[in-house]
PDB file of N, CA and C in Angstrom:
ATOM      1  N   MET A   1      17.930 -55.398  -6.577  1.00  0.00           N
ATOM      2  CA  MET A   1      16.500 -55.153  -6.947  1.00  0.00           C
ATOM      3  C   MET A   1      16.009 -53.795  -6.811  1.00  0.00           C
ATOM      4  N   GLN A   2      15.464 -53.317  -7.755  1.00  0.00           N
ATOM      5  CA  GLN A   2      14.964 -52.019  -7.528  1.00  0.00           C
ATOM      6  C   GLN A   2      13.409 -52.141  -7.139  1.00  0.00           C
ATOM      7  N   LYS A   3      13.063 -51.320  -6.157  1.00  0.00           N
ATOM      8  CA  LYS A   3      11.774 -51.246  -5.320  1.00  0.00           C
ATOM      9  C   LYS A   3      10.742 -50.951  -6.574  1.00  0.00           C
ATOM     10  N   LYS A   4       9.650 -51.465  -6.594  1.00  0.00           N
ATOM     11  CA  LYS A   4       8.598 -51.019  -7.595  1.00  0.00           C
ATOM     12  C   LYS A   4       7.832 -49.692  -7.135  1.00  0.00           C
ATOM     13  N   LYS A   5       7.805 -49.035  -8.115  1.00  0.00           N
ATOM     14  CA  LYS A   5       7.385 -47.392  -7.905  1.00  0.00           C
ATOM     15  C   LYS A   5       5.761 -47.602  -7.891  1.00  0.00           C
ATOM     16  N   VAL A   6       5.316 -46.862  -6.889  1.00  0.00           N
ATOM     17  CA  VAL A   6       3.962 -46.583  -6.530  1.00  0.00           C
ATOM     18  C   VAL A   6       3.380 -45.850  -7.706  1.00  0.00           C
ATOM     19  N   GLU A   7       2.138 -46.265  -8.160  1.00  0.00           N
ATOM     20  CA  GLU A   7       1.503 -45.505  -9.094  1.00  0.00           C
ATOM     21  C   GLU A   7       0.322 -44.636  -8.368  1.00  0.00           C
ATOM     22  N   PRO A   8      -0.065 -43.594  -9.059  1.00  0.00           N
ATOM     23  CA  PRO A   8      -1.272 -42.891  -8.567  1.00  0.00           C
ATOM     24  C   PRO A   8      -2.669 -43.503  -8.885  1.00  0.00           C
ATOM     25  N   THR A   9      -2.755 -44.995  -8.527  1.00  0.00           N
ATOM     26  CA  THR A   9      -3.752 -45.649  -8.590  1.00  0.00           C
ATOM     27  C   THR A   9      -4.370 -46.069  -7.337  1.00  0.00           C
ATOM     28  N   PHE A  10      -5.638 -46.472  -7.140  1.00  0.00           N
ATOM     29  CA  PHE A  10      -6.069 -46.936  -5.894  1.00  0.00           C
ATOM     30  C   PHE A  10      -5.387 -48.227  -5.500  1.00  0.00           C
ATOM     31  N   GLY A  11      -5.307 -49.272  -6.420  1.00  0.00           N
ATOM     32  CA  GLY A  11      -4.597 -50.583  -6.247  1.00  0.00           C
ATOM     33  C   GLY A  11      -3.264 -50.349  -5.812  1.00  0.00           C
ATOM     34  N   SER A  12      -2.429 -49.647  -6.460  1.00  0.00           N
ATOM     35  CA  SER A  12      -1.014 -49.462  -6.172  1.00  0.00           C
ATOM     36  C   SER A  12      -0.789 -48.814  -4.841  1.00  0.00           C
ATOM     37  N   ILE A  13      -1.481 -47.499  -4.680  1.00  0.00           N
ATOM     38  CA  ILE A  13      -1.582 -46.901  -3.345  1.00  0.00           C
ATOM     39  C   ILE A  13      -2.025 -47.815  -2.001  1.00  0.00           C
ATOM     40  N   PHE A  14      -3.140 -48.629  -2.255  1.00  0.00           N
ATOM     41  CA  PHE A  14      -3.632 -49.559  -1.140  1.00  0.00           C
ATOM     42  C   PHE A  14      -2.469 -50.428  -0.901  1.00  0.00           C
ATOM     43  N   ARG A  15      -1.815 -51.236  -1.905  1.00  0.00           N
ATOM     44  CA  ARG A  15      -0.789 -52.019  -1.607  1.00  0.00           C
ATOM     45  C   ARG A  15       0.358 -51.597  -0.937  1.00  0.00           C
ATOM     46  N   ALA A  16       0.795 -50.186  -1.449  1.00  0.00           N
ATOM     47  CA  ALA A  16       1.951 -49.725  -0.663  1.00  0.00           C
ATOM     48  C   ALA A  16       1.506 -49.335   0.675  1.00  0.00           C
ATOM     49  N   VAL A  17       0.343 -48.879   1.042  1.00  0.00           N
ATOM     50  CA  VAL A  17      -0.015 -48.396   2.453  1.00  0.00           C
ATOM     51  C   VAL A  17       0.024 -49.677   3.093  1.00  0.00           C
ATOM     52  N   GLU A  18      -0.437 -50.788   2.589  1.00  0.00           N
ATOM     53  CA  GLU A  18      -0.336 -52.106   3.472  1.00  0.00           C
ATOM     54  C   GLU A  18       0.991 -52.583   3.747  1.00  0.00           C
ATOM     55  N   GLU A  19       1.759 -52.483   2.702  1.00  0.00           N
ATOM     56  CA  GLU A  19       3.323 -52.905   3.045  1.00  0.00           C
ATOM     57  C   GLU A  19       3.918 -52.001   4.000  1.00  0.00           C
ATOM     58  N   LYS A  20       3.558 -50.815   4.034  1.00  0.00           N
ATOM     59  CA  LYS A  20       4.309 -49.777   4.815  1.00  0.00           C
ATOM     60  C   LYS A  20       3.887 -50.008   6.245  1.00  0.00           C
ATOM     61  N   THR A  21       2.490 -50.172   6.519  1.00  0.00           N
ATOM     62  CA  THR A  21       2.141 -50.415   7.583  1.00  0.00           C
ATOM     63  C   THR A  21       2.864 -51.688   8.418  1.00  0.00           C
ATOM     64  N   LYS A  22       3.159 -52.764   7.636  1.00  0.00           N
ATOM     65  CA  LYS A  22       3.749 -53.968   8.095  1.00  0.00           C
ATOM     66  C   LYS A  22       5.074 -53.713   8.511  1.00  0.00           C
ATOM     67  N   LYS A  23       5.702 -52.547   8.208  1.00  0.00           N
ATOM     68  CA  LYS A  23       7.258 -52.325   8.410  1.00  0.00           C
ATOM     69  C   LYS A  23       7.652 -51.473   9.641  1.00  0.00           C
ATOM     70  N   VAL A  24       6.330 -50.943  10.089  1.00  0.00           N
ATOM     71  CA  VAL A  24       6.613 -50.051  11.188  1.00  0.00           C
ATOM     72  C   VAL A  24       5.814 -50.459  12.404  1.00  0.00           C
ATOM     73  N   SER A  25       6.271 -49.864  13.647  1.00  0.00           N
ATOM     74  CA  SER A  25       5.474 -50.234  14.832  1.00  0.00           C
ATOM     75  C   SER A  25       4.839 -49.052  15.420  1.00  0.00           C
ATOM     76  N   PHE A  26       3.638 -49.192  15.522  1.00  0.00           N
ATOM     77  CA  PHE A  26       2.637 -48.190  16.129  1.00  0.00           C
ATOM     78  C   PHE A  26       2.484 -48.302  17.574  1.00  0.00           C
ATOM     79  N   LEU A  27       2.730 -47.240  18.244  1.00  0.00           N
ATOM     80  CA  LEU A  27       2.794 -47.135  19.778  1.00  0.00           C
ATOM     81  C   LEU A  27       1.296 -46.834  20.299  1.00  0.00           C
ATOM     82  N   GLN A  28       0.147 -46.231  19.643  1.00  0.00           N
ATOM     83  CA  GLN A  28      -1.104 -46.318  19.992  1.00  0.00           C
ATOM     84  C   GLN A  28      -1.977 -46.695  19.117  1.00  0.00           C
ATOM     85  N   SER A  29      -3.249 -47.055  19.498  1.00  0.00           N
ATOM     86  CA  SER A  29      -4.282 -47.571  18.644  1.00  0.00           C
ATOM     87  C   SER A  29      -4.820 -46.294  17.959  1.00  0.00           C
ATOM     88  N   THR A  30      -5.306 -46.576  16.965  1.00  0.00           N
ATOM     89  CA  THR A  30      -6.226 -45.327  16.135  1.00  0.00           C
ATOM     90  C   THR A  30      -6.663 -45.791  15.042  1.00  0.00           C
ATOM     91  N   ALA A  31      -7.318 -45.176  14.249  1.00  0.00           N
ATOM     92  CA  ALA A  31      -7.778 -45.403  12.950  1.00  0.00           C
ATOM     93  C   ALA A  31      -8.012 -44.176  12.069  1.00  0.00           C
ATOM     94  N   THR A  32      -8.028 -44.247  10.932  1.00  0.00           N
ATOM     95  CA  THR A  32      -7.935 -43.213   9.938  1.00  0.00           C
ATOM     96  C   THR A  32      -8.633 -43.614   8.622  1.00  0.00           C
ATOM     97  N   GLN A  33      -9.124 -42.574   7.852  1.00  0.00           N
ATOM     98  CA  GLN A  33      -9.515 -43.118   6.551  1.00  0.00           C
ATOM     99  C   GLN A  33      -8.905 -41.975   5.527  1.00  0.00           C
ATOM    100  N   ILE A  34      -8.250 -42.466   4.640  1.00  0.00           N
ATOM    101  CA  ILE A  34      -7.464 -41.984   3.598  1.00  0.00           C
ATOM    102  C   ILE A  34      -8.378 -41.827   2.348  1.00  0.00           C
ATOM    103  N   THR A  35      -8.639 -40.595   2.048  1.00  0.00           N
ATOM    104  CA  THR A  35      -9.632 -40.570   0.556  1.00  0.00           C
ATOM    105  C   THR A  35      -8.563 -39.971  -0.242  1.00  0.00           C
ATOM    106  N   LEU A  36      -8.586 -40.663  -1.502  1.00  0.00           N
ATOM    107  CA  LEU A  36      -7.592 -40.388  -2.387  1.00  0.00           C
ATOM    108  C   LEU A  36      -8.436 -39.557  -3.491  1.00  0.00           C
ATOM    109  N   ASN A  37      -7.800 -38.368  -4.027  1.00  0.00           N
ATOM    110  CA  ASN A  37      -8.522 -37.584  -4.989  1.00  0.00           C
ATOM    111  C   ASN A  37      -8.021 -37.679  -6.524  1.00  0.00           C
ATOM    112  N   GLY A  38      -8.472 -37.620  -7.415  1.00  0.00           N
ATOM    113  CA  GLY A  38      -8.190 -37.579  -8.642  1.00  0.00           C
ATOM    114  C   GLY A  38      -8.862 -38.460  -9.652  1.00  0.00           C
ATOM    115  N   ASN A  39      -8.432 -39.172 -10.423  1.00  0.00           N
ATOM    116  CA  ASN A  39      -9.028 -39.839 -11.472  1.00  0.00           C
ATOM    117  C   ASN A  39      -9.509 -41.208 -10.678  1.00  0.00           C
ATOM    118  N   LEU A  40      -9.933 -41.254  -9.344  1.00  0.00           N
ATOM    119  CA  LEU A  40     -10.155 -42.525  -8.621  1.00  0.00           C
ATOM    120  C   LEU A  40     -11.542 -42.455  -7.983  1.00  0.00           C
ATOM    121  N   ASP A  41     -12.475 -41.577  -8.351  1.00  0.00           N
ATOM    122  CA  ASP A  41     -13.671 -41.063  -7.855  1.00  0.00           C
ATOM    123  C   ASP A  41     -13.699 -40.945  -6.207  1.00  0.00           C
ATOM    124  N   ASN A  42     -12.701 -40.560  -5.791  1.00  0.00           N
ATOM    125  CA  ASN A  42     -12.648 -40.304  -4.331  1.00  0.00           C
ATOM    126  C   ASN A  42     -12.580 -41.591  -3.465  1.00  0.00           C
ATOM    127  N   GLN A  43     -12.039 -42.446  -3.804  1.00  0.00           N
ATOM    128  CA  GLN A  43     -12.100 -43.869  -3.312  1.00  0.00           C
ATOM    129  C   GLN A  43     -11.406 -43.791  -1.869  1.00  0.00           C
ATOM    130  N   PRO A  44     -12.186 -44.379  -0.860  1.00  0.00           N
ATOM    131  CA  PRO A  44     -11.437 -44.287   0.436  1.00  0.00           C
ATOM    132  C   PRO A  44     -10.691 -45.547   0.629  1.00  0.00           C
ATOM    133  N   LEU A  45      -9.807 -45.521   1.544  1.00  0.00           N
ATOM    134  CA  LEU A  45      -9.232 -46.720   2.230  1.00  0.00           C
ATOM    135  C   LEU A  45      -9.181 -46.353   3.752  1.00  0.00           C
ATOM    136  N   TYR A  46      -9.198 -47.553   4.565  1.00  0.00           N
ATOM    137  CA  TYR A  46      -8.832 -47.014   6.087  1.00  0.00           C
ATOM    138  C   TYR A  46      -7.903 -47.831   6.646  1.00  0.00           C
ATOM    139  N   VAL A  47      -7.159 -47.238   7.807  1.00  0.00           N
ATOM    140  CA  VAL A  47      -5.979 -48.044   8.399  1.00  0.00           C
ATOM    141  C   VAL A  47      -6.440 -47.840   9.799  1.00  0.00           C
ATOM    142  N   LYS A  48      -6.617 -49.114  10.456  1.00  0.00           N
ATOM    143  CA  LYS A  48      -6.942 -49.116  11.848  1.00  0.00           C
ATOM    144  C   LYS A  48      -5.876 -49.898  12.549  1.00  0.00           C
ATOM    145  N   VAL A  49      -5.486 -49.265  13.654  1.00  0.00           N
ATOM    146  CA  VAL A  49      -4.246 -49.854  14.417  1.00  0.00           C
ATOM    147  C   VAL A  49      -4.770 -50.390  15.704  1.00  0.00           C
ATOM    148  N   GLU A  50      -4.422 -51.383  16.182  1.00  0.00           N
ATOM    149  CA  GLU A  50      -4.702 -52.087  17.437  1.00  0.00           C
ATOM    150  C   GLU A  50      -3.505 -52.765  18.026  1.00  0.00           C
ATOM    151  N   ASP A  51      -3.207 -52.709  19.197  1.00  0.00           N
ATOM    152  CA  ASP A  51      -2.093 -53.406  19.607  1.00  0.00           C
ATOM    153  C   ASP A  51      -1.166 -53.239  18.620  1.00  0.00           C
ATOM    154  N   GLY A  52      -0.609 -52.178  18.126  1.00  0.00           N
ATOM    155  CA  GLY A  52       0.516 -51.984  17.474  1.00  0.00           C
ATOM    156  C   GLY A  52       0.632 -52.638  16.024  1.00  0.00           C
ATOM    157  N   LYS A  53      -0.598 -53.207  15.743  1.00  0.00           N
ATOM    158  CA  LYS A  53      -0.725 -53.905  14.223  1.00  0.00           C
ATOM    159  C   LYS A  53      -1.669 -52.974  13.591  1.00  0.00           C
ATOM    160  N   ALA A  54      -1.517 -52.769  12.350  1.00  0.00           N
ATOM    161  CA  ALA A  54      -2.475 -52.218  11.355  1.00  0.00           C
ATOM    162  C   ALA A  54      -3.040 -53.072  10.405  1.00  0.00           C
ATOM    163  N   GLU A  55      -4.399 -52.691  10.387  1.00  0.00           N
ATOM    164  CA  GLU A  55      -5.402 -53.350   9.332  1.00  0.00           C
ATOM    165  C   GLU A  55      -5.660 -52.205   8.060  1.00  0.00           C
ATOM    166  N   VAL A  56      -5.363 -52.724   6.912  1.00  0.00           N
ATOM    167  CA  VAL A  56      -5.650 -51.573   5.758  1.00  0.00           C
ATOM    168  C   VAL A  56      -6.897 -52.344   4.893  1.00  0.00           C
ATOM    169  N   ALA A  57      -8.013 -51.587   4.623  1.00  0.00           N
ATOM    170  CA  ALA A  57      -8.995 -52.021   3.955  1.00  0.00           C
ATOM    171  C   ALA A  57      -9.403 -51.097   3.103  1.00  0.00           C
ATOM    172  N   PRO A  58     -10.152 -51.571   1.915  1.00  0.00           N
ATOM    173  CA  PRO A  58     -10.559 -50.706   0.898  1.00  0.00           C
ATOM    174  C   PRO A  58     -11.951 -50.085   1.151  1.00  0.00           C
ATOM    175  N   TYR A  59     -12.351 -49.545   2.061  1.00  0.00           N
ATOM    176  CA  TYR A  59     -13.901 -48.888   2.502  1.00  0.00           C
ATOM    177  C   TYR A  59     -13.687 -47.820   3.241  1.00  0.00           C
ATOM    178  N   GLU A  60     -14.894 -47.122   3.626  1.00  0.00           N
ATOM    179  CA  GLU A  60     -14.894 -45.848   4.329  1.00  0.00           C
ATOM    180  C   GLU A  60     -14.745 -46.485   5.868  1.00  0.00           C
ATOM    181  N   TYR A  61     -14.321 -45.514   6.746  1.00  0.00           N
ATOM    182  CA  TYR A  61     -14.218 -45.676   8.113  1.00  0.00           C
ATOM    183  C   TYR A  61     -14.934 -44.428   8.687  1.00  0.00           C
ATOM    184  N   ILE A  62     -16.270 -44.615   9.160  1.00  0.00           N
ATOM    185  CA  ILE A  62     -17.138 -43.861   9.636  1.00  0.00           C
ATOM    186  C   ILE A  62     -16.721 -43.336  11.218  1.00  0.00           C
ATOM    187  N   ASN A  63     -16.529 -42.369  11.544  1.00  0.00           N
ATOM    188  CA  ASN A  63     -16.308 -41.949  12.998  1.00  0.00           C
ATOM    189  C   ASN A  63     -14.674 -42.006  13.171  1.00  0.00           C
ATOM    190  N   ALA A  64     -13.849 -41.862  12.354  1.00  0.00           N
ATOM    191  CA  ALA A  64     -12.518 -42.070  12.435  1.00  0.00           C
ATOM    192  C   ALA A  64     -11.937 -40.903  13.239  1.00  0.00           C
ATOM    193  N   PRO A  65     -10.895 -41.121  14.216  1.00  0.00           N
ATOM    194  CA  PRO A  65     -10.454 -39.877  14.843  1.00  0.00           C
ATOM    195  C   PRO A  65     -10.023 -38.697  14.060  1.00  0.00           C
ATOM    196  N   PHE A  66      -9.473 -38.981  12.869  1.00  0.00           N
ATOM    197  CA  PHE A  66      -8.889 -38.080  12.050  1.00  0.00           C
ATOM    198  C   PHE A  66      -8.977 -38.695  10.645  1.00  0.00           C
ATOM    199  N   TYR A  67      -9.034 -37.608   9.537  1.00  0.00           N
ATOM    200  CA  TYR A  67      -9.205 -38.032   8.312  1.00  0.00           C
ATOM    201  C   TYR A  67      -8.106 -37.455   7.354  1.00  0.00           C
ATOM    202  N   ILE A  68      -7.648 -38.219   6.247  1.00  0.00           N
ATOM    203  CA  ILE A  68      -6.459 -37.820   5.319  1.00  0.00           C
ATOM    204  C   ILE A  68      -7.043 -37.681   4.129  1.00  0.00           C
ATOM    205  N   ASP A  69      -7.077 -36.514   3.430  1.00  0.00           N
ATOM    206  CA  ASP A  69      -7.440 -36.454   2.078  1.00  0.00           C
ATOM    207  C   ASP A  69      -6.297 -35.925   1.260  1.00  0.00           C
ATOM    208  N   ALA A  70      -6.043 -36.603   0.173  1.00  0.00           N
ATOM    209  CA  ALA A  70      -4.952 -36.507  -0.721  1.00  0.00           C
ATOM    210  C   ALA A  70      -5.132 -36.654  -1.984  1.00  0.00           C
ATOM    211  N   ASP A  71      -4.573 -35.937  -2.919  1.00  0.00           N
ATOM    212  CA  ASP A  71      -4.222 -35.980  -4.286  1.00  0.00           C
ATOM    213  C   ASP A  71      -3.501 -37.176  -4.516  1.00  0.00           C
ATOM    214  N   ALA A  72      -3.959 -38.092  -5.322  1.00  0.00           N
ATOM    215  CA  ALA A  72      -3.347 -39.484  -5.588  1.00  0.00           C
ATOM    216  C   ALA A  72      -1.860 -39.170  -6.047  1.00  0.00           C
ATOM    217  N   GLU A  73      -1.719 -38.288  -7.005  1.00  0.00           N
ATOM    218  CA  GLU A  73      -0.344 -38.274  -7.637  1.00  0.00           C
ATOM    219  C   GLU A  73       0.564 -37.862  -6.385  1.00  0.00           C
ATOM    220  N   THR A  74       0.047 -36.892  -5.603  1.00  0.00           N
ATOM    221  CA  THR A  74       1.123 -36.559  -4.493  1.00  0.00           C
ATOM    222  C   THR A  74       1.180 -37.803  -3.289  1.00  0.00           C
ATOM    223  N   PHE A  75       0.178 -38.325  -3.130  1.00  0.00           N
ATOM    224  CA  PHE A  75       0.477 -39.431  -2.002  1.00  0.00           C
ATOM    225  C   PHE A  75       1.146 -40.548  -2.444  1.00  0.00           C
ATOM    226  N   ALA A  76       0.997 -40.745  -3.872  1.00  0.00           N
ATOM    227  CA  ALA A  76       2.098 -41.778  -4.571  1.00  0.00           C
ATOM    228  C   ALA A  76       3.516 -41.341  -4.424  1.00  0.00           C
ATOM    229  N   SER A  77       3.742 -40.057  -4.629  1.00  0.00           N
ATOM    230  CA  SER A  77       5.053 -39.436  -4.559  1.00  0.00           C
ATOM    231  C   SER A  77       5.592 -39.670  -3.209  1.00  0.00           C
ATOM    232  N   VAL A  78       4.777 -39.296  -2.054  1.00  0.00           N
ATOM    233  CA  VAL A  78       5.162 -39.555  -0.701  1.00  0.00           C
ATOM    234  C   VAL A  78       5.484 -41.007  -0.454  1.00  0.00           C
ATOM    235  N   LEU A  79       4.706 -41.912  -0.855  1.00  0.00           N
ATOM    236  CA  LEU A  79       5.105 -43.410  -0.660  1.00  0.00           C
ATOM    237  C   LEU A  79       6.321 -43.721  -1.269  1.00  0.00           C
ATOM    238  N   ASN A  80       6.716 -43.182  -2.484  1.00  0.00           N
ATOM    239  CA  ASN A  80       7.848 -43.329  -3.181  1.00  0.00           C
ATOM    240  C   ASN A  80       9.034 -42.616  -2.523  1.00  0.00           C
ATOM    241  N   GLY A  81       8.641 -41.837  -1.759  1.00  0.00           N
ATOM    242  CA  GLY A  81       9.921 -41.047  -1.205  1.00  0.00           C
ATOM    243  C   GLY A  81      10.518 -39.923  -2.034  1.00  0.00           C
ATOM    244  N   ASP A  82       9.727 -39.566  -2.891  1.00  0.00           N
ATOM    245  CA  ASP A  82       9.970 -38.375  -3.854  1.00  0.00           C
ATOM    246  C   ASP A  82       9.513 -37.166  -3.219  1.00  0.00           C
ATOM    247  N   LYS A  83       8.552 -37.215  -2.391  1.00  0.00           N
ATOM    248  CA  LYS A  83       7.969 -35.883  -1.737  1.00  0.00           C
ATOM    249  C   LYS A  83       7.882 -36.156  -0.345  1.00  0.00           C
ATOM    250  N   ASP A  84       8.128 -34.945   0.478  1.00  0.00           N
ATOM    251  CA  ASP A  84       7.957 -35.273   1.960  1.00  0.00           C
ATOM    252  C   ASP A  84       6.525 -35.143   2.439  1.00  0.00           C
ATOM    253  N   PHE A  85       6.146 -35.716   3.167  1.00  0.00           N
ATOM    254  CA  PHE A  85       4.717 -35.689   3.615  1.00  0.00           C
ATOM    255  C   PHE A  85       4.347 -34.304   4.496  1.00  0.00           C
ATOM    256  N   VAL A  86       5.253 -33.785   5.222  1.00  0.00           N
ATOM    257  CA  VAL A  86       4.832 -32.483   5.974  1.00  0.00           C
ATOM    258  C   VAL A  86       4.908 -31.296   4.759  1.00  0.00           C
ATOM    259  N   VAL A  87       5.768 -31.445   3.636  1.00  0.00           N
ATOM    260  CA  VAL A  87       5.744 -30.389   2.652  1.00  0.00           C
ATOM    261  C   VAL A  87       4.471 -30.555   1.971  1.00  0.00           C
ATOM    262  N   ALA A  88       3.826 -31.893   1.689  1.00  0.00           N
ATOM    263  CA  ALA A  88       2.731 -31.943   0.921  1.00  0.00           C
ATOM    264  C   ALA A  88       1.550 -31.331   1.826  1.00  0.00           C
ATOM    265  N   VAL A  89       1.585 -31.580   3.108  1.00  0.00           N
ATOM    266  CA  VAL A  89       0.578 -31.056   3.953  1.00  0.00           C
ATOM    267  C   VAL A  89       0.537 -29.490   3.600  1.00  0.00           C
ATOM    268  N   ALA A  90       1.810 -28.945   4.020  1.00  0.00           N
ATOM    269  CA  ALA A  90       2.199 -27.675   3.931  1.00  0.00           C
ATOM    270  C   ALA A  90       1.475 -26.719   2.592  1.00  0.00           C
ATOM    271  N   GLN A  91       1.609 -27.445   1.544  1.00  0.00           N
ATOM    272  CA  GLN A  91       1.297 -27.130   0.139  1.00  0.00           C
ATOM    273  C   GLN A  91      -0.155 -27.379  -0.091  1.00  0.00           C
ATOM    274  N   GLY A  92      -0.857 -28.079   0.855  1.00  0.00           N
ATOM    275  CA  GLY A  92      -2.134 -28.313   0.491  1.00  0.00           C
ATOM    276  C   GLY A  92      -2.733 -29.526  -0.337  1.00  0.00           C
ATOM    277  N   SER A  93      -1.654 -30.115  -0.790  1.00  0.00           N
ATOM    278  CA  SER A  93      -1.689 -31.271  -1.602  1.00  0.00           C
ATOM    279  C   SER A  93      -2.502 -32.576  -0.596  1.00  0.00           C
ATOM    280  N   ILE A  94      -2.139 -32.473   0.618  1.00  0.00           N
ATOM    281  CA  ILE A  94      -2.619 -33.447   1.594  1.00  0.00           C
ATOM    282  C   ILE A  94      -3.414 -32.693   2.769  1.00  0.00           C
ATOM    283  N   THR A  95      -4.431 -33.058   3.153  1.00  0.00           N
ATOM    284  CA  THR A  95      -5.104 -32.380   4.260  1.00  0.00           C
ATOM    285  C   THR A  95      -5.561 -33.146   5.171  1.00  0.00           C
ATOM    286  N   ILE A  96      -5.443 -32.909   6.367  1.00  0.00           N
ATOM    287  CA  ILE A  96      -5.729 -33.737   7.499  1.00  0.00           C
ATOM    288  C   ILE A  96      -6.810 -32.983   8.557  1.00  0.00           C
ATOM    289  N   ASN A  97      -7.848 -33.736   8.749  1.00  0.00           N
ATOM    290  CA  ASN A  97      -8.977 -33.146   9.780  1.00  0.00           C
ATOM    291  C   ASN A  97      -9.256 -34.028  10.837  1.00  0.00           C
ATOM    292  N   GLY A  98      -9.538 -33.503  11.905  1.00  0.00           N
ATOM    293  CA  GLY A  98      -9.866 -34.285  13.053  1.00  0.00           C
ATOM    294  C   GLY A  98      -8.740 -34.113  14.317  1.00  0.00           C
ATOM    295  N   ASP A  99      -8.524 -35.052  14.955  1.00  0.00           N
ATOM    296  CA  ASP A  99      -7.614 -35.252  15.900  1.00  0.00           C
ATOM    297  C   ASP A  99      -6.202 -35.117  15.757  1.00  0.00           C
ATOM    298  N   ALA A 100      -5.687 -33.866  15.812  1.00  0.00           N
ATOM    299  CA  ALA A 100      -4.324 -33.339  15.466  1.00  0.00           C
ATOM    300  C   ALA A 100      -3.310 -34.403  15.991  1.00  0.00           C
ATOM    301  N   ALA A 101      -3.466 -34.510  17.402  1.00  0.00           N
ATOM    302  CA  ALA A 101      -2.411 -35.260  18.155  1.00  0.00           C
ATOM    303  C   ALA A 101      -2.323 -36.774  17.534  1.00  0.00           C
ATOM    304  N   GLN A 102      -3.405 -37.317  17.539  1.00  0.00           N
ATOM    305  CA  GLN A 102      -3.387 -38.535  16.889  1.00  0.00           C
ATOM    306  C   GLN A 102      -2.811 -38.942  15.460  1.00  0.00           C
ATOM    307  N   ALA A 103      -3.340 -37.955  14.838  1.00  0.00           N
ATOM    308  CA  ALA A 103      -2.840 -37.786  13.360  1.00  0.00           C
ATOM    309  C   ALA A 103      -1.413 -37.514  13.291  1.00  0.00           C
ATOM    310  N   LEU A 104      -0.688 -36.658  14.032  1.00  0.00           N
ATOM    311  CA  LEU A 104       0.712 -36.418  14.068  1.00  0.00           C
ATOM    312  C   LEU A 104       1.554 -37.630  14.389  1.00  0.00           C
ATOM    313  N   VAL A 105       1.146 -38.490  15.506  1.00  0.00           N
ATOM    314  CA  VAL A 105       1.757 -39.692  15.923  1.00  0.00           C
ATOM    315  C   VAL A 105       1.622 -40.625  14.622  1.00  0.00           C
ATOM    316  N   PHE A 106       0.496 -40.877  14.333  1.00  0.00           N
ATOM    317  CA  PHE A 106       0.333 -41.951  13.065  1.00  0.00           C
ATOM    318  C   PHE A 106       1.083 -41.549  11.829  1.00  0.00           C
ATOM    319  N   CYS A 107       1.097 -40.054  11.292  1.00  0.00           N
ATOM    320  CA  CYS A 107       1.963 -39.993  10.245  1.00  0.00           C
ATOM    321  C   CYS A 107       3.357 -39.794  10.397  1.00  0.00           C
ATOM    322  N   ARG A 108       3.762 -39.373  11.723  1.00  0.00           N
ATOM    323  CA  ARG A 108       5.310 -39.648  11.979  1.00  0.00           C
ATOM    324  C   ARG A 108       5.545 -41.167  11.898  1.00  0.00           C
ATOM    325  N   THR A 109       4.793 -41.998  12.493  1.00  0.00           N
ATOM    326  CA  THR A 109       5.136 -43.522  12.571  1.00  0.00           C
ATOM    327  C   THR A 109       5.136 -43.909  10.864  1.00  0.00           C
ATOM    328  N   LEU A 110       4.138 -43.683  10.211  1.00  0.00           N
ATOM    329  CA  LEU A 110       3.970 -44.260   8.812  1.00  0.00           C
ATOM    330  C   LEU A 110       4.839 -43.468   7.932  1.00  0.00           C
ATOM    331  N   PHE A 111       5.129 -42.278   7.902  1.00  0.00           N
ATOM    332  CA  PHE A 111       5.799 -41.432   6.881  1.00  0.00           C
ATOM    333  C   PHE A 111       7.164 -40.904   7.457  1.00  0.00           C
ATOM    334  N   GLY A 112       7.562 -41.306   8.664  1.00  0.00           N
ATOM    335  CA  GLY A 112       8.551 -40.483   9.370  1.00  0.00           C
ATOM    336  C   GLY A 112       9.997 -41.023   8.903  1.00  0.00           C
TER     337      GLY A 112
END
């Protein structure tokens, strides 16, 4: 059975992030807001990790230790495994602002 492709839409990306967080174990508690740019009106979602479990919700997370801003097309490509997360950051398609140490641990866990 072929895995369903993540589309560059808020709903598709939200479901993919939610599924991906269920499949990994986070070693530290943290939270982030992911803002998707493109034809999505810069709609955010947040991921909060406590006691190794993640909660994903479709709204802003004020005062997150770090923020991820991403082009929806690029973020969908990363979730599909077609593009490397680090390469997307290096190319400027994905930007991370805030606590670099927490962001690094979170992103390595989620996209590693």
